[in-house]
Amino acid sequence: MCNSIDEVLERLDEIIQQNIDSKSSLGYFPALYRKVTQSVKDHIEEGYFDDNSRMEKLDVIFANRYLTAYDHFGEGAFCTNSWKLALDGGANNRLIVLQHLFLGMNAHINLDLGIAAAQVSSGTDIRELKNDFFKINTVLAALVNQVQNELAEIWPLMKVVDWVSGNLDEAISDFSMNIARDGAWQVAQDLAD
Protein backbone atom coordinates (compact mmCIF):
# COMPACT_ATOMS: atom_id res chain seq x y z
CA MET A 1 0.00 0.00 0.00
CA CYS A 2 1.30 3.40 -0.98
CA ASN A 3 0.97 6.33 1.39
CA SER A 4 1.99 9.20 -0.89
CA ILE A 5 1.95 10.18 -4.55
CA ASP A 6 5.73 9.75 -4.64
CA GLU A 7 5.31 6.15 -3.50
CA VAL A 8 2.64 5.64 -6.17
CA LEU A 9 5.00 6.97 -8.85
CA GLU A 10 7.79 4.66 -7.64
CA ARG A 11 5.48 1.65 -7.70
CA LEU A 12 4.23 2.54 -11.19
CA ASP A 13 7.86 2.80 -12.34
CA GLU A 14 8.47 -0.72 -11.01
CA ILE A 15 5.41 -2.10 -12.80
CA ILE A 16 6.34 -0.37 -16.05
CA GLN A 17 9.89 -1.73 -15.91
CA GLN A 18 8.67 -5.22 -15.02
CA ASN A 19 6.42 -5.21 -18.09
CA ILE A 20 9.13 -3.79 -20.35
CA ASP A 21 11.44 -6.57 -19.21
CA SER A 22 8.82 -9.24 -19.83
CA LYS A 23 7.61 -7.57 -23.06
CA SER A 24 4.08 -7.52 -21.67
CA SER A 25 1.28 -5.28 -22.89
CA LEU A 26 0.32 -4.80 -19.24
CA GLY A 27 2.79 -1.93 -19.19
CA TYR A 28 0.73 0.38 -21.41
CA PHE A 29 -1.87 1.38 -18.85
CA PRO A 30 0.56 2.06 -15.97
CA ALA A 31 2.71 4.15 -18.33
CA LEU A 32 -0.28 6.33 -19.13
CA TYR A 33 -1.42 6.32 -15.51
CA ARG A 34 2.04 7.42 -14.36
CA LYS A 35 1.87 10.44 -16.68
CA VAL A 36 -1.53 11.42 -15.26
CA THR A 37 -0.38 10.87 -11.67
CA GLN A 38 2.71 13.04 -12.23
CA SER A 39 0.52 15.79 -13.68
CA VAL A 40 -1.84 15.63 -10.69
CA LYS A 41 1.17 15.79 -8.35
CA ASP A 42 2.50 18.84 -10.23
CA HIS A 43 -0.89 20.56 -9.97
CA ILE A 44 -1.09 19.79 -6.25
CA GLU A 45 2.37 21.30 -5.73
CA GLU A 46 1.25 24.42 -7.64
CA GLY A 47 -1.77 24.80 -5.33
CA TYR A 48 -4.21 24.22 -8.20
CA PHE A 49 -6.93 22.50 -6.18
CA ASP A 50 -9.21 23.92 -3.49
CA ASP A 51 -7.92 21.30 -1.03
CA ASN A 52 -4.57 19.97 -2.22
CA SER A 53 -3.99 17.60 0.69
CA ARG A 54 -7.40 16.00 0.11
CA MET A 55 -6.54 15.59 -3.58
CA GLU A 56 -3.29 13.82 -2.72
CA LYS A 57 -5.24 11.52 -0.41
CA LEU A 58 -7.76 10.86 -3.21
CA ASP A 59 -4.96 10.20 -5.69
CA VAL A 60 -3.31 7.68 -3.35
CA ILE A 61 -6.54 5.86 -2.47
CA PHE A 62 -7.44 5.75 -6.17
CA ALA A 63 -3.98 4.47 -7.19
CA ASN A 64 -3.95 1.82 -4.47
CA ARG A 65 -7.07 0.26 -6.00
CA TYR A 66 -5.20 -0.32 -9.29
CA LEU A 67 -1.97 -1.38 -7.57
CA THR A 68 -3.83 -3.88 -5.39
CA ALA A 69 -5.69 -5.32 -8.38
CA TYR A 70 -2.43 -5.60 -10.33
CA ASP A 71 -0.67 -7.37 -7.46
CA HIS A 72 -3.59 -9.69 -6.75
CA PHE A 73 -3.87 -10.58 -10.43
CA GLY A 74 -0.17 -11.43 -10.55
CA GLU A 75 -0.53 -13.63 -7.47
CA GLY A 76 -3.61 -15.39 -8.84
CA ALA A 77 -5.65 -13.89 -5.99
CA PHE A 78 -9.06 -12.24 -6.27
CA CYS A 79 -9.41 -8.96 -8.09
CA THR A 80 -12.61 -7.35 -9.31
CA ASN A 81 -14.10 -8.60 -12.57
CA SER A 82 -13.38 -5.23 -14.20
CA TRP A 83 -9.69 -5.53 -13.40
CA LYS A 84 -9.55 -9.22 -14.24
CA LEU A 85 -10.91 -8.46 -17.71
CA ALA A 86 -8.46 -5.57 -18.18
CA LEU A 87 -5.47 -7.52 -16.92
CA ASP A 88 -6.39 -10.67 -18.84
CA GLY A 89 -6.33 -8.44 -21.91
CA GLY A 90 -2.61 -7.95 -21.35
CA ALA A 91 -2.01 -11.45 -22.63
CA ASN A 92 -4.01 -10.84 -25.80
CA ASN A 93 -1.54 -9.88 -28.53
CA ARG A 94 -4.36 -9.18 -30.98
CA LEU A 95 -5.43 -6.07 -29.09
CA ILE A 96 -4.05 -2.73 -30.21
CA VAL A 97 -2.43 -0.33 -27.77
CA LEU A 98 -5.59 1.79 -27.47
CA GLN A 99 -7.62 -1.25 -26.50
CA HIS A 100 -5.16 -2.08 -23.73
CA LEU A 101 -5.37 1.52 -22.50
CA PHE A 102 -9.17 1.61 -22.65
CA LEU A 103 -9.48 -1.65 -20.71
CA GLY A 104 -7.42 -0.18 -17.88
CA MET A 105 -9.12 3.19 -18.02
CA ASN A 106 -12.56 1.57 -17.96
CA ALA A 107 -11.82 -0.42 -14.82
CA HIS A 108 -10.04 2.42 -13.10
CA ILE A 109 -12.42 5.27 -13.87
CA ASN A 110 -15.76 3.46 -14.02
CA LEU A 111 -15.14 1.33 -10.93
CA ASP A 112 -12.32 2.67 -8.79
CA LEU A 113 -12.75 6.43 -9.04
CA GLY A 114 -16.22 6.63 -7.51
CA ILE A 115 -15.23 4.30 -4.69
CA ALA A 116 -12.05 6.27 -3.97
CA ALA A 117 -13.94 9.59 -3.99
CA ALA A 118 -16.50 8.24 -1.52
CA GLN A 119 -13.70 6.94 0.70
CA VAL A 120 -11.83 10.25 0.76
CA SER A 121 -15.07 12.01 1.65
CA SER A 122 -16.02 9.59 4.40
CA GLY A 123 -17.50 11.50 7.30
CA THR A 124 -17.79 14.74 5.31
CA ASP A 125 -20.17 16.12 2.75
CA ILE A 126 -19.12 14.71 -0.63
CA ARG A 127 -20.21 17.95 -2.28
CA GLU A 128 -17.09 19.59 -0.78
CA LEU A 129 -15.03 17.43 -3.18
CA LYS A 130 -17.02 18.18 -6.35
CA ASN A 131 -15.09 21.21 -7.65
CA ASP A 132 -11.69 19.53 -7.25
CA PHE A 133 -13.05 16.25 -8.63
CA PHE A 134 -13.99 17.97 -11.87
CA LYS A 135 -10.84 20.12 -12.01
CA ILE A 136 -9.09 16.88 -12.93
CA ASN A 137 -10.91 16.98 -16.28
CA THR A 138 -8.86 20.05 -17.19
CA VAL A 139 -5.67 18.29 -16.14
CA LEU A 140 -6.56 15.27 -18.29
CA ALA A 141 -7.56 17.34 -21.31
CA ALA A 142 -4.17 19.08 -21.23
CA LEU A 143 -2.44 15.70 -21.61
CA VAL A 144 -4.33 14.42 -24.67
CA ASN A 145 -2.01 15.76 -27.39
CA GLN A 146 1.13 14.80 -25.48
CA VAL A 147 -0.16 11.27 -24.95
CA GLN A 148 -1.12 11.00 -28.62
CA ASN A 149 2.36 12.02 -29.70
CA GLU A 150 4.02 9.56 -27.34
CA LEU A 151 1.60 6.83 -28.37
CA ALA A 152 2.48 7.43 -32.02
CA GLU A 153 6.10 6.62 -31.17
CA ILE A 154 5.19 3.06 -30.20
CA TRP A 155 2.13 2.68 -32.41
CA PRO A 156 2.72 4.53 -35.70
CA LEU A 157 -0.87 4.01 -36.87
CA MET A 158 -1.80 6.63 -34.26
CA LYS A 159 -0.34 9.33 -36.54
CA VAL A 160 -2.70 8.25 -39.31
CA VAL A 161 -5.69 8.16 -36.97
CA ASP A 162 -4.81 11.61 -35.63
CA TRP A 163 -4.29 13.07 -39.12
CA VAL A 164 -7.52 11.61 -40.55
CA SER A 165 -9.65 12.66 -37.59
CA GLY A 166 -8.21 16.15 -37.17
CA ASN A 167 -9.45 17.47 -33.83
CA LEU A 168 -12.31 14.98 -33.70
CA ASP A 169 -10.29 12.46 -31.70
CA GLU A 170 -9.54 15.10 -29.03
CA ALA A 171 -13.22 16.05 -28.88
CA ILE A 172 -14.25 12.40 -28.55
CA SER A 173 -11.58 11.79 -25.92
CA ASP A 174 -12.67 14.80 -23.85
CA PHE A 175 -16.34 13.89 -24.25
CA SER A 176 -15.78 10.24 -23.28
CA MET A 177 -13.62 11.17 -20.30
CA ASN A 178 -16.21 13.67 -19.09
CA ILE A 179 -18.99 11.08 -19.37
CA ALA A 180 -16.91 8.49 -17.51
CA ARG A 181 -16.01 10.94 -14.76
CA ASP A 182 -19.65 12.10 -14.51
CA GLY A 183 -20.61 8.47 -13.95
CA ALA A 184 -17.86 8.06 -11.37
CA TRP A 185 -19.11 11.16 -9.57
CA GLN A 186 -22.60 9.67 -9.43
CA VAL A 187 -21.17 6.46 -7.98
CA ALA A 188 -19.23 8.49 -5.40
CA GLN A 189 -22.39 10.34 -4.32
CA ASP A 190 -24.38 7.11 -4.11
CA LEU A 191 -21.69 5.40 -2.02
CA ALA A 192 -21.12 8.43 0.20
CA ASP A 193 -24.82 8.44 1.09
C-alpha atoms as a PDB file:
ATOM      1  CA  MET A   1       0.000   0.000   0.000  1.00  0.00           C
ATOM      2  CA  CYS A   2       1.297   3.396  -0.985  1.00  0.00           C
ATOM      3  CA  ASN A   3       0.967   6.326   1.392  1.00  0.00           C
ATOM      4  CA  SER A   4       1.995   9.205  -0.892  1.00  0.00           C
ATOM      5  CA  ILE A   5       1.947  10.180  -4.545  1.00  0.00           C
ATOM      6  CA  ASP A   6       5.729   9.747  -4.637  1.00  0.00           C
ATOM      7  CA  GLU A   7       5.314   6.146  -3.500  1.00  0.00           C
ATOM      8  CA  VAL A   8       2.641   5.636  -6.169  1.00  0.00           C
ATOM      9  CA  LEU A   9       5.000   6.970  -8.845  1.00  0.00           C
ATOM     10  CA  GLU A  10       7.788   4.662  -7.636  1.00  0.00           C
ATOM     11  CA  ARG A  11       5.476   1.647  -7.700  1.00  0.00           C
ATOM     12  CA  LEU A  12       4.225   2.542 -11.188  1.00  0.00           C
ATOM     13  CA  ASP A  13       7.859   2.801 -12.340  1.00  0.00           C
ATOM     14  CA  GLU A  14       8.466  -0.716 -11.008  1.00  0.00           C
ATOM     15  CA  ILE A  15       5.412  -2.098 -12.804  1.00  0.00           C
ATOM     16  CA  ILE A  16       6.337  -0.373 -16.053  1.00  0.00           C
ATOM     17  CA  GLN A  17       9.893  -1.726 -15.912  1.00  0.00           C
ATOM     18  CA  GLN A  18       8.669  -5.217 -15.022  1.00  0.00           C
ATOM     19  CA  ASN A  19       6.423  -5.205 -18.093  1.00  0.00           C
ATOM     20  CA  ILE A  20       9.131  -3.787 -20.353  1.00  0.00           C
ATOM     21  CA  ASP A  21      11.440  -6.573 -19.206  1.00  0.00           C
ATOM     22  CA  SER A  22       8.816  -9.245 -19.826  1.00  0.00           C
ATOM     23  CA  LYS A  23       7.612  -7.571 -23.063  1.00  0.00           C
ATOM     24  CA  SER A  24       4.077  -7.518 -21.674  1.00  0.00           C
ATOM     25  CA  SER A  25       1.277  -5.281 -22.886  1.00  0.00           C
ATOM     26  CA  LEU A  26       0.319  -4.801 -19.238  1.00  0.00           C
ATOM     27  CA  GLY A  27       2.791  -1.928 -19.186  1.00  0.00           C
ATOM     28  CA  TYR A  28       0.735   0.376 -21.409  1.00  0.00           C
ATOM     29  CA  PHE A  29      -1.867   1.384 -18.846  1.00  0.00           C
ATOM     30  CA  PRO A  30       0.559   2.062 -15.967  1.00  0.00           C
ATOM     31  CA  ALA A  31       2.715   4.153 -18.331  1.00  0.00           C
ATOM     32  CA  LEU A  32      -0.283   6.334 -19.127  1.00  0.00           C
ATOM     33  CA  TYR A  33      -1.419   6.321 -15.512  1.00  0.00           C
ATOM     34  CA  ARG A  34       2.037   7.417 -14.358  1.00  0.00           C
ATOM     35  CA  LYS A  35       1.867  10.436 -16.680  1.00  0.00           C
ATOM     36  CA  VAL A  36      -1.534  11.416 -15.260  1.00  0.00           C
ATOM     37  CA  THR A  37      -0.379  10.871 -11.674  1.00  0.00           C
ATOM     38  CA  GLN A  38       2.707  13.039 -12.232  1.00  0.00           C
ATOM     39  CA  SER A  39       0.525  15.787 -13.680  1.00  0.00           C
ATOM     40  CA  VAL A  40      -1.836  15.626 -10.694  1.00  0.00           C
ATOM     41  CA  LYS A  41       1.168  15.793  -8.355  1.00  0.00           C
ATOM     42  CA  ASP A  42       2.502  18.840 -10.229  1.00  0.00           C
ATOM     43  CA  HIS A  43      -0.886  20.557  -9.971  1.00  0.00           C
ATOM     44  CA  ILE A  44      -1.085  19.794  -6.246  1.00  0.00           C
ATOM     45  CA  GLU A  45       2.365  21.303  -5.728  1.00  0.00           C
ATOM     46  CA  GLU A  46       1.252  24.419  -7.644  1.00  0.00           C
ATOM     47  CA  GLY A  47      -1.772  24.796  -5.329  1.00  0.00           C
ATOM     48  CA  TYR A  48      -4.212  24.224  -8.197  1.00  0.00           C
ATOM     49  CA  PHE A  49      -6.931  22.501  -6.184  1.00  0.00           C
ATOM     50  CA  ASP A  50      -9.205  23.923  -3.492  1.00  0.00           C
ATOM     51  CA  ASP A  51      -7.924  21.299  -1.032  1.00  0.00           C
ATOM     52  CA  ASN A  52      -4.573  19.974  -2.217  1.00  0.00           C
ATOM     53  CA  SER A  53      -3.994  17.600   0.695  1.00  0.00           C
ATOM     54  CA  ARG A  54      -7.397  15.997   0.109  1.00  0.00           C
ATOM     55  CA  MET A  55      -6.539  15.594  -3.580  1.00  0.00           C
ATOM     56  CA  GLU A  56      -3.290  13.818  -2.715  1.00  0.00           C
ATOM     57  CA  LYS A  57      -5.240  11.521  -0.405  1.00  0.00           C
ATOM     58  CA  LEU A  58      -7.761  10.857  -3.208  1.00  0.00           C
ATOM     59  CA  ASP A  59      -4.964  10.197  -5.690  1.00  0.00           C
ATOM     60  CA  VAL A  60      -3.307   7.681  -3.351  1.00  0.00           C
ATOM     61  CA  ILE A  61      -6.539   5.859  -2.473  1.00  0.00           C
ATOM     62  CA  PHE A  62      -7.435   5.746  -6.166  1.00  0.00           C
ATOM     63  CA  ALA A  63      -3.984   4.473  -7.191  1.00  0.00           C
ATOM     64  CA  ASN A  64      -3.954   1.820  -4.474  1.00  0.00           C
ATOM     65  CA  ARG A  65      -7.066   0.264  -5.999  1.00  0.00           C
ATOM     66  CA  TYR A  66      -5.202  -0.319  -9.292  1.00  0.00           C
ATOM     67  CA  LEU A  67      -1.974  -1.378  -7.571  1.00  0.00           C
ATOM     68  CA  THR A  68      -3.832  -3.884  -5.389  1.00  0.00           C
ATOM     69  CA  ALA A  69      -5.691  -5.316  -8.381  1.00  0.00           C
ATOM     70  CA  TYR A  70      -2.433  -5.598 -10.330  1.00  0.00           C
ATOM     71  CA  ASP A  71      -0.665  -7.373  -7.459  1.00  0.00           C
ATOM     72  CA  HIS A  72      -3.594  -9.689  -6.749  1.00  0.00           C
ATOM     73  CA  PHE A  73      -3.875 -10.583 -10.432  1.00  0.00           C
ATOM     74  CA  GLY A  74      -0.171 -11.432 -10.550  1.00  0.00           C
ATOM     75  CA  GLU A  75      -0.532 -13.633  -7.472  1.00  0.00           C
ATOM     76  CA  GLY A  76      -3.613 -15.388  -8.838  1.00  0.00           C
ATOM     77  CA  ALA A  77      -5.653 -13.892  -5.991  1.00  0.00           C
ATOM     78  CA  PHE A  78      -9.058 -12.241  -6.268  1.00  0.00           C
ATOM     79  CA  CYS A  79      -9.407  -8.962  -8.091  1.00  0.00           C
ATOM     80  CA  THR A  80     -12.608  -7.352  -9.314  1.00  0.00           C
ATOM     81  CA  ASN A  81     -14.102  -8.599 -12.571  1.00  0.00           C
ATOM     82  CA  SER A  82     -13.378  -5.234 -14.205  1.00  0.00           C
ATOM     83  CA  TRP A  83      -9.692  -5.525 -13.404  1.00  0.00           C
ATOM     84  CA  LYS A  84      -9.546  -9.224 -14.236  1.00  0.00           C
ATOM     85  CA  LEU A  85     -10.908  -8.464 -17.710  1.00  0.00           C
ATOM     86  CA  ALA A  86      -8.461  -5.575 -18.175  1.00  0.00           C
ATOM     87  CA  LEU A  87      -5.466  -7.516 -16.918  1.00  0.00           C
ATOM     88  CA  ASP A  88      -6.390 -10.670 -18.838  1.00  0.00           C
ATOM     89  CA  GLY A  89      -6.328  -8.444 -21.913  1.00  0.00           C
ATOM     90  CA  GLY A  90      -2.605  -7.945 -21.353  1.00  0.00           C
ATOM     91  CA  ALA A  91      -2.011 -11.454 -22.632  1.00  0.00           C
ATOM     92  CA  ASN A  92      -4.007 -10.844 -25.798  1.00  0.00           C
ATOM     93  CA  ASN A  93      -1.542  -9.881 -28.526  1.00  0.00           C
ATOM     94  CA  ARG A  94      -4.364  -9.184 -30.978  1.00  0.00           C
ATOM     95  CA  LEU A  95      -5.425  -6.073 -29.088  1.00  0.00           C
ATOM     96  CA  ILE A  96      -4.048  -2.734 -30.214  1.00  0.00           C
ATOM     97  CA  VAL A  97      -2.434  -0.331 -27.767  1.00  0.00           C
ATOM     98  CA  LEU A  98      -5.587   1.791 -27.468  1.00  0.00           C
ATOM     99  CA  GLN A  99      -7.620  -1.250 -26.500  1.00  0.00           C
ATOM    100  CA  HIS A 100      -5.158  -2.075 -23.733  1.00  0.00           C
ATOM    101  CA  LEU A 101      -5.373   1.515 -22.501  1.00  0.00           C
ATOM    102  CA  PHE A 102      -9.166   1.614 -22.648  1.00  0.00           C
ATOM    103  CA  LEU A 103      -9.480  -1.652 -20.713  1.00  0.00           C
ATOM    104  CA  GLY A 104      -7.419  -0.184 -17.881  1.00  0.00           C
ATOM    105  CA  MET A 105      -9.119   3.194 -18.023  1.00  0.00           C
ATOM    106  CA  ASN A 106     -12.559   1.572 -17.957  1.00  0.00           C
ATOM    107  CA  ALA A 107     -11.816  -0.417 -14.818  1.00  0.00           C
ATOM    108  CA  HIS A 108     -10.037   2.420 -13.095  1.00  0.00           C
ATOM    109  CA  ILE A 109     -12.423   5.267 -13.870  1.00  0.00           C
ATOM    110  CA  ASN A 110     -15.764   3.462 -14.021  1.00  0.00           C
ATOM    111  CA  LEU A 111     -15.139   1.325 -10.928  1.00  0.00           C
ATOM    112  CA  ASP A 112     -12.316   2.668  -8.794  1.00  0.00           C
ATOM    113  CA  LEU A 113     -12.754   6.433  -9.040  1.00  0.00           C
ATOM    114  CA  GLY A 114     -16.219   6.631  -7.512  1.00  0.00           C
ATOM    115  CA  ILE A 115     -15.232   4.296  -4.693  1.00  0.00           C
ATOM    116  CA  ALA A 116     -12.052   6.273  -3.968  1.00  0.00           C
ATOM    117  CA  ALA A 117     -13.937   9.589  -3.991  1.00  0.00           C
ATOM    118  CA  ALA A 118     -16.499   8.243  -1.524  1.00  0.00           C
ATOM    119  CA  GLN A 119     -13.695   6.942   0.703  1.00  0.00           C
ATOM    120  CA  VAL A 120     -11.825  10.250   0.764  1.00  0.00           C
ATOM    121  CA  SER A 121     -15.067  12.014   1.651  1.00  0.00           C
ATOM    122  CA  SER A 122     -16.018   9.590   4.400  1.00  0.00           C
ATOM    123  CA  GLY A 123     -17.499  11.503   7.298  1.00  0.00           C
ATOM    124  CA  THR A 124     -17.791  14.739   5.312  1.00  0.00           C
ATOM    125  CA  ASP A 125     -20.172  16.120   2.751  1.00  0.00           C
ATOM    126  CA  ILE A 126     -19.123  14.710  -0.628  1.00  0.00           C
ATOM    127  CA  ARG A 127     -20.213  17.953  -2.280  1.00  0.00           C
ATOM    128  CA  GLU A 128     -17.094  19.588  -0.784  1.00  0.00           C
ATOM    129  CA  LEU A 129     -15.035  17.428  -3.184  1.00  0.00           C
ATOM    130  CA  LYS A 130     -17.018  18.181  -6.348  1.00  0.00           C
ATOM    131  CA  ASN A 131     -15.094  21.206  -7.646  1.00  0.00           C
ATOM    132  CA  ASP A 132     -11.693  19.526  -7.249  1.00  0.00           C
ATOM    133  CA  PHE A 133     -13.046  16.249  -8.626  1.00  0.00           C
ATOM    134  CA  PHE A 134     -13.990  17.974 -11.869  1.00  0.00           C
ATOM    135  CA  LYS A 135     -10.844  20.124 -12.013  1.00  0.00           C
ATOM    136  CA  ILE A 136      -9.086  16.882 -12.926  1.00  0.00           C
ATOM    137  CA  ASN A 137     -10.912  16.981 -16.283  1.00  0.00           C
ATOM    138  CA  THR A 138      -8.861  20.048 -17.190  1.00  0.00           C
ATOM    139  CA  VAL A 139      -5.668  18.288 -16.135  1.00  0.00           C
ATOM    140  CA  LEU A 140      -6.557  15.273 -18.290  1.00  0.00           C
ATOM    141  CA  ALA A 141      -7.558  17.345 -21.308  1.00  0.00           C
ATOM    142  CA  ALA A 142      -4.175  19.080 -21.233  1.00  0.00           C
ATOM    143  CA  LEU A 143      -2.443  15.704 -21.608  1.00  0.00           C
ATOM    144  CA  VAL A 144      -4.334  14.422 -24.675  1.00  0.00           C
ATOM    145  CA  ASN A 145      -2.009  15.759 -27.386  1.00  0.00           C
ATOM    146  CA  GLN A 146       1.134  14.802 -25.483  1.00  0.00           C
ATOM    147  CA  VAL A 147      -0.162  11.273 -24.945  1.00  0.00           C
ATOM    148  CA  GLN A 148      -1.124  11.002 -28.623  1.00  0.00           C
ATOM    149  CA  ASN A 149       2.364  12.024 -29.697  1.00  0.00           C
ATOM    150  CA  GLU A 150       4.015   9.556 -27.339  1.00  0.00           C
ATOM    151  CA  LEU A 151       1.596   6.833 -28.365  1.00  0.00           C
ATOM    152  CA  ALA A 152       2.479   7.435 -32.018  1.00  0.00           C
ATOM    153  CA  GLU A 153       6.099   6.618 -31.170  1.00  0.00           C
ATOM    154  CA  ILE A 154       5.188   3.058 -30.197  1.00  0.00           C
ATOM    155  CA  TRP A 155       2.125   2.678 -32.411  1.00  0.00           C
ATOM    156  CA  PRO A 156       2.724   4.528 -35.705  1.00  0.00           C
ATOM    157  CA  LEU A 157      -0.873   4.007 -36.866  1.00  0.00           C
ATOM    158  CA  MET A 158      -1.805   6.633 -34.260  1.00  0.00           C
ATOM    159  CA  LYS A 159      -0.345   9.332 -36.544  1.00  0.00           C
ATOM    160  CA  VAL A 160      -2.704   8.253 -39.314  1.00  0.00           C
ATOM    161  CA  VAL A 161      -5.692   8.158 -36.973  1.00  0.00           C
ATOM    162  CA  ASP A 162      -4.812  11.608 -35.632  1.00  0.00           C
ATOM    163  CA  TRP A 163      -4.289  13.070 -39.125  1.00  0.00           C
ATOM    164  CA  VAL A 164      -7.523  11.615 -40.548  1.00  0.00           C
ATOM    165  CA  SER A 165      -9.647  12.656 -37.587  1.00  0.00           C
ATOM    166  CA  GLY A 166      -8.206  16.146 -37.169  1.00  0.00           C
ATOM    167  CA  ASN A 167      -9.451  17.467 -33.830  1.00  0.00           C
ATOM    168  CA  LEU A 168     -12.306  14.982 -33.703  1.00  0.00           C
ATOM    169  CA  ASP A 169     -10.286  12.459 -31.696  1.00  0.00           C
ATOM    170  CA  GLU A 170      -9.539  15.097 -29.027  1.00  0.00           C
ATOM    171  CA  ALA A 171     -13.217  16.049 -28.880  1.00  0.00           C
ATOM    172  CA  ILE A 172     -14.249  12.401 -28.548  1.00  0.00           C
ATOM    173  CA  SER A 173     -11.582  11.789 -25.918  1.00  0.00           C
ATOM    174  CA  ASP A 174     -12.670  14.796 -23.847  1.00  0.00           C
ATOM    175  CA  PHE A 175     -16.343  13.892 -24.250  1.00  0.00           C
ATOM    176  CA  SER A 176     -15.778  10.243 -23.285  1.00  0.00           C
ATOM    177  CA  MET A 177     -13.621  11.170 -20.300  1.00  0.00           C
ATOM    178  CA  ASN A 178     -16.213  13.671 -19.090  1.00  0.00           C
ATOM    179  CA  ILE A 179     -18.990  11.084 -19.373  1.00  0.00           C
ATOM    180  CA  ALA A 180     -16.915   8.485 -17.509  1.00  0.00           C
ATOM    181  CA  ARG A 181     -16.006  10.939 -14.762  1.00  0.00           C
ATOM    182  CA  ASP A 182     -19.652  12.103 -14.507  1.00  0.00           C
ATOM    183  CA  GLY A 183     -20.606   8.474 -13.953  1.00  0.00           C
ATOM    184  CA  ALA A 184     -17.856   8.060 -11.370  1.00  0.00           C
ATOM    185  CA  TRP A 185     -19.108  11.162  -9.566  1.00  0.00           C
ATOM    186  CA  GLN A 186     -22.601   9.672  -9.430  1.00  0.00           C
ATOM    187  CA  VAL A 187     -21.171   6.460  -7.979  1.00  0.00           C
ATOM    188  CA  ALA A 188     -19.234   8.492  -5.396  1.00  0.00           C
ATOM    189  CA  GLN A 189     -22.386  10.340  -4.324  1.00  0.00           C
ATOM    190  CA  ASP A 190     -24.384   7.107  -4.110  1.00  0.00           C
ATOM    191  CA  LEU A 191     -21.692   5.402  -2.022  1.00  0.00           C
ATOM    192  CA  ALA A 192     -21.117   8.426   0.196  1.00  0.00           C
ATOM    193  CA  ASP A 193     -24.816   8.436   1.095  1.00  0.00           C
END
